[in-house]
Amino acid sequence: MNTLILLVDDDASLRATLRACLEMAGYWCVEANDGEDARVCLEKGHPVNLIVTDYQMPGVSGLEFVRGVRSQQKTEGIPIIFYSGQLSVDLKVQAIQAGASEVLEKPFPLQEFLDLVGPLCAKTVK
């Protein structure tokens, strides 16, 4: 499977956990420390099939990052899983309105996460 997932989180240990889980399931991953790093990664033209992003990060928040992804023609169709440790109903609504495909509250079961990844990636893999 040639599916590339962009992991965006300032928590390196959580990124490493998600990456290990995804790679064991056969996905390729690229990591970004925050929304700005992720934006640069996308601008370099990596063929990303799914974005997984945290909400609370320094600089560009996950919400701002999602809005930015949706505002660019070349990235607007990439599915996005958005998560937060302080997920309120209001934040969930904002994330969906911004363009998140799925919203999770941390901590989330890794199997639940993987169950979302497969169908979302299938939408972009040709």
Protein backbone atom coordinates (compact mmCIF):
# COMPACT_ATOMS: atom_id res chain seq x y z
CA MET A 1 0.00 0.00 0.00
CA ASN A 2 1.47 3.36 -1.02
CA THR A 3 -0.56 5.48 1.35
CA LEU A 4 1.15 8.50 2.92
CA ILE A 5 -0.18 9.98 6.15
CA LEU A 6 0.93 13.35 7.52
CA LEU A 7 1.05 13.36 11.34
CA VAL A 8 0.92 16.85 12.86
CA ASP A 9 1.49 17.17 16.61
CA ASP A 10 3.98 18.98 18.84
CA ASP A 11 4.04 15.93 21.17
CA ALA A 12 6.85 13.78 19.73
CA SER A 13 5.93 10.73 21.83
CA LEU A 14 2.33 10.75 20.60
CA ARG A 15 3.52 11.18 17.00
CA ALA A 16 5.86 8.22 17.49
CA THR A 17 3.03 6.08 18.89
CA LEU A 18 0.68 6.93 16.03
CA ARG A 19 3.45 6.41 13.48
CA ALA A 20 4.32 2.96 14.88
CA CYS A 21 0.64 1.98 14.86
CA LEU A 22 0.15 3.19 11.29
CA GLU A 23 3.36 1.67 9.96
CA MET A 24 2.48 -1.71 11.50
CA ALA A 25 -0.81 -1.45 9.57
CA GLY A 26 1.15 -0.85 6.33
CA TYR A 27 0.96 2.93 5.95
CA TRP A 28 3.82 5.36 5.28
CA CYS A 29 4.09 8.42 7.52
CA VAL A 30 5.70 11.82 7.47
CA GLU A 31 5.77 13.96 10.60
CA ALA A 32 5.41 17.65 11.35
CA ASN A 33 5.92 19.39 14.71
CA ASP A 34 3.19 21.97 14.15
CA GLY A 35 0.86 23.49 11.60
CA GLU A 36 3.60 25.57 9.99
CA ASP A 37 5.89 22.55 9.51
CA ALA A 38 2.93 20.66 8.06
CA ARG A 39 2.14 23.49 5.64
CA VAL A 40 5.75 23.44 4.41
CA CYS A 41 5.56 19.66 3.99
CA LEU A 42 2.41 19.98 1.87
CA GLU A 43 3.97 22.77 -0.21
CA LYS A 44 6.90 20.46 -1.03
CA GLY A 45 4.39 18.34 -2.89
CA HIS A 46 4.35 15.17 -0.79
CA PRO A 47 1.45 13.04 -2.12
CA VAL A 48 -0.42 12.96 1.19
CA ASN A 49 -3.53 10.74 1.37
CA LEU A 50 -4.57 11.65 4.93
CA ILE A 51 -3.74 14.30 7.51
CA VAL A 52 -3.91 13.58 11.24
CA THR A 53 -3.63 16.72 13.36
CA ASP A 54 -3.78 17.78 16.98
CA TYR A 55 -5.60 20.95 17.98
CA GLN A 56 -3.30 22.53 20.55
CA MET A 57 0.08 23.34 19.07
CA PRO A 58 2.35 26.38 19.25
CA GLY A 59 2.06 28.88 16.43
CA VAL A 60 -0.55 27.60 13.99
CA SER A 61 -3.28 25.65 15.81
CA GLY A 62 -4.79 22.51 14.36
CA LEU A 63 -7.98 24.42 13.61
CA GLU A 64 -6.09 27.12 11.68
CA PHE A 65 -4.12 24.42 9.87
CA VAL A 66 -7.32 22.61 8.80
CA ARG A 67 -8.75 25.87 7.46
CA GLY A 68 -5.53 26.48 5.53
CA VAL A 69 -5.58 22.99 4.00
CA ARG A 70 -9.18 23.45 2.88
CA SER A 71 -8.42 26.87 1.36
CA GLN A 72 -5.81 25.51 -1.08
CA GLN A 73 -6.99 23.83 -4.27
CA LYS A 74 -4.20 21.24 -4.28
CA THR A 75 -4.94 20.08 -0.70
CA GLU A 76 -8.66 20.77 -0.25
CA GLY A 77 -9.66 17.14 -0.89
CA ILE A 78 -7.28 15.47 1.56
CA PRO A 79 -9.23 13.83 4.42
CA ILE A 80 -8.35 15.10 7.90
CA ILE A 81 -8.60 13.46 11.31
CA PHE A 82 -8.62 16.20 13.97
CA TYR A 83 -8.12 15.42 17.67
CA SER A 84 -7.87 17.24 20.97
CA GLY A 85 -7.46 16.48 24.65
CA GLN A 86 -9.90 19.29 25.48
CA LEU A 87 -12.62 18.46 22.97
CA SER A 88 -15.79 20.41 23.68
CA VAL A 89 -18.97 20.34 21.61
CA ASP A 90 -18.10 23.83 20.37
CA LEU A 91 -14.60 22.79 19.26
CA LYS A 92 -15.96 19.68 17.54
CA VAL A 93 -18.44 21.84 15.60
CA GLN A 94 -15.68 24.32 14.69
CA ALA A 95 -13.43 21.49 13.48
CA ILE A 96 -16.16 20.02 11.29
CA GLN A 97 -17.07 23.45 9.93
CA ALA A 98 -13.37 24.08 9.18
CA GLY A 99 -13.26 20.87 7.15
CA ALA A 100 -12.22 18.01 9.45
CA SER A 101 -13.43 14.64 8.16
CA GLU A 102 -13.41 13.01 11.62
CA VAL A 103 -12.93 14.37 15.15
CA LEU A 104 -11.51 12.38 18.08
CA GLU A 105 -11.00 13.13 21.74
CA LYS A 106 -7.65 12.17 23.29
CA PRO A 107 -6.93 9.66 24.56
CA PHE A 108 -8.54 7.49 21.90
CA PRO A 109 -8.26 3.73 21.36
CA LEU A 110 -5.73 2.97 18.63
CA GLN A 111 -8.12 0.46 17.02
CA GLU A 112 -10.82 3.13 16.78
CA PHE A 113 -8.24 5.41 15.15
CA LEU A 114 -7.18 2.72 12.65
CA ASP A 115 -10.82 1.97 11.84
CA LEU A 116 -11.16 5.60 10.67
CA VAL A 117 -7.87 5.69 8.75
CA GLY A 118 -8.62 2.90 6.25
CA PRO A 119 -11.86 4.29 4.77
CA LEU A 120 -10.51 7.85 4.69
CA CYS A 121 -7.33 6.80 2.87
CA ALA A 122 -9.35 4.72 0.42
CA LYS A 123 -10.96 7.96 -0.80
CA THR A 124 -7.63 9.37 -2.01
CA VAL A 125 -5.59 6.31 -3.07
CA LYS A 126 -5.80 5.73 -6.79
